[in-house]
Amino acid sequence: MLKGYDEANQALVATQLTGDTDIKEGDVVQTSGLGGNSPANLSIGTVTKVKPDSNGLDREVYIKPYAQMYDLSVVTIIQRLVEDE
């Protein structure tokens, strides 16, 4: 789950990732589509760093976003629905 944006590292920060998930630098991060708020498989960025969180129970994943984040406040994703003809 995306937690926020780290300006110092110019990266998105994802948390709540269990240790059994294989994540490494260079991996492409995509939306899951879970929850129905956004479509699945939208690429958002590339993993630049993986480190344990402050409690040592989770990991923090730093993601270099494909979009410029410095002037972004709201993103709306519109999913096109194709009707049967």
Protein backbone atom coordinates (compact mmCIF):
# COMPACT_ATOMS: atom_id res chain seq x y z
CA MET A 1 0.00 0.00 0.00
CA LEU A 2 1.37 3.42 -0.91
CA LYS A 3 2.08 5.42 2.22
CA GLY A 4 3.22 8.69 0.67
CA TYR A 5 5.98 10.53 -1.14
CA ASP A 6 9.49 10.99 0.28
CA GLU A 7 10.76 14.29 -1.13
CA ALA A 8 14.33 13.70 0.07
CA ASN A 9 14.55 10.47 -1.95
CA GLN A 10 12.13 11.64 -4.66
CA ALA A 11 10.31 8.35 -4.28
CA LEU A 12 6.92 6.93 -3.42
CA VAL A 13 6.99 4.81 -0.25
CA ALA A 14 5.03 1.55 -0.02
CA THR A 15 4.52 -0.25 3.31
CA GLN A 16 2.60 -3.17 4.80
CA LEU A 17 4.50 -5.67 2.66
CA THR A 18 5.14 -9.02 4.27
CA GLY A 19 8.55 -10.65 4.20
CA ASP A 20 7.37 -13.46 1.94
CA THR A 21 6.81 -11.08 -0.99
CA ASP A 22 9.85 -11.12 -3.30
CA ILE A 23 10.66 -7.49 -4.05
CA LYS A 24 14.01 -6.28 -5.37
CA GLU A 25 15.54 -3.14 -6.85
CA GLY A 26 14.59 -2.69 -10.49
CA ASP A 27 11.16 -4.35 -10.18
CA VAL A 28 8.28 -2.55 -11.92
CA VAL A 29 5.42 -1.66 -9.56
CA GLN A 30 1.85 -1.83 -10.85
CA THR A 31 -1.59 -1.21 -9.40
CA SER A 32 -3.36 -4.35 -8.18
CA GLY A 33 -6.91 -3.25 -8.85
CA LEU A 34 -7.93 -4.56 -5.42
CA GLY A 35 -10.64 -2.49 -3.78
CA GLY A 36 -12.08 -1.39 -7.10
CA ASN A 37 -10.69 2.16 -6.92
CA SER A 38 -8.33 1.78 -9.87
CA PRO A 39 -7.81 -0.67 -12.70
CA ALA A 40 -5.16 -3.38 -12.36
CA ASN A 41 -1.76 -3.38 -14.06
CA LEU A 42 -1.11 0.37 -14.34
CA SER A 43 2.66 0.80 -14.07
CA ILE A 44 3.52 3.50 -11.53
CA GLY A 45 7.30 3.22 -11.13
CA THR A 46 10.43 1.18 -10.44
CA VAL A 47 11.74 -0.06 -7.07
CA THR A 48 14.90 1.80 -6.04
CA LYS A 49 15.34 0.61 -2.44
CA VAL A 50 13.93 -2.01 -0.05
CA LYS A 51 14.56 -1.70 3.70
CA PRO A 52 13.04 -2.97 6.96
CA ASP A 53 10.62 -0.57 8.65
CA SER A 54 11.38 0.95 12.05
CA ASN A 55 9.78 -2.03 13.87
CA GLY A 56 11.55 -4.67 11.79
CA LEU A 57 8.23 -6.39 11.08
CA ASP A 58 7.51 -4.94 7.66
CA ARG A 59 9.45 -3.44 4.79
CA GLU A 60 9.48 -0.01 3.23
CA VAL A 61 9.82 -0.03 -0.53
CA TYR A 62 10.96 3.12 -2.32
CA ILE A 63 9.60 3.53 -5.84
CA LYS A 64 10.85 6.01 -8.44
CA PRO A 65 7.58 7.14 -10.04
CA TYR A 66 7.14 7.38 -13.79
CA ALA A 67 5.18 10.65 -13.31
CA GLN A 68 6.58 13.98 -12.12
CA MET A 69 5.38 14.26 -8.50
CA TYR A 70 6.59 17.74 -7.58
CA ASP A 71 3.47 19.52 -8.89
CA LEU A 72 0.82 16.83 -8.41
CA SER A 73 -2.00 16.98 -5.90
CA VAL A 74 -4.84 14.84 -7.30
CA VAL A 75 -4.92 11.97 -9.79
CA THR A 76 -8.12 10.65 -11.30
CA ILE A 77 -8.12 7.40 -13.25
CA ILE A 78 -10.96 6.93 -15.71
CA GLN A 79 -11.46 3.39 -16.90
CA ARG A 80 -13.05 3.04 -20.32
CA LEU A 81 -15.77 0.42 -20.46
CA VAL A 82 -16.36 -1.29 -23.79
CA GLU A 83 -19.97 -2.26 -24.34
CA ASP A 84 -20.96 -5.34 -26.33
CA GLU A 85 -22.30 -4.45 -29.75
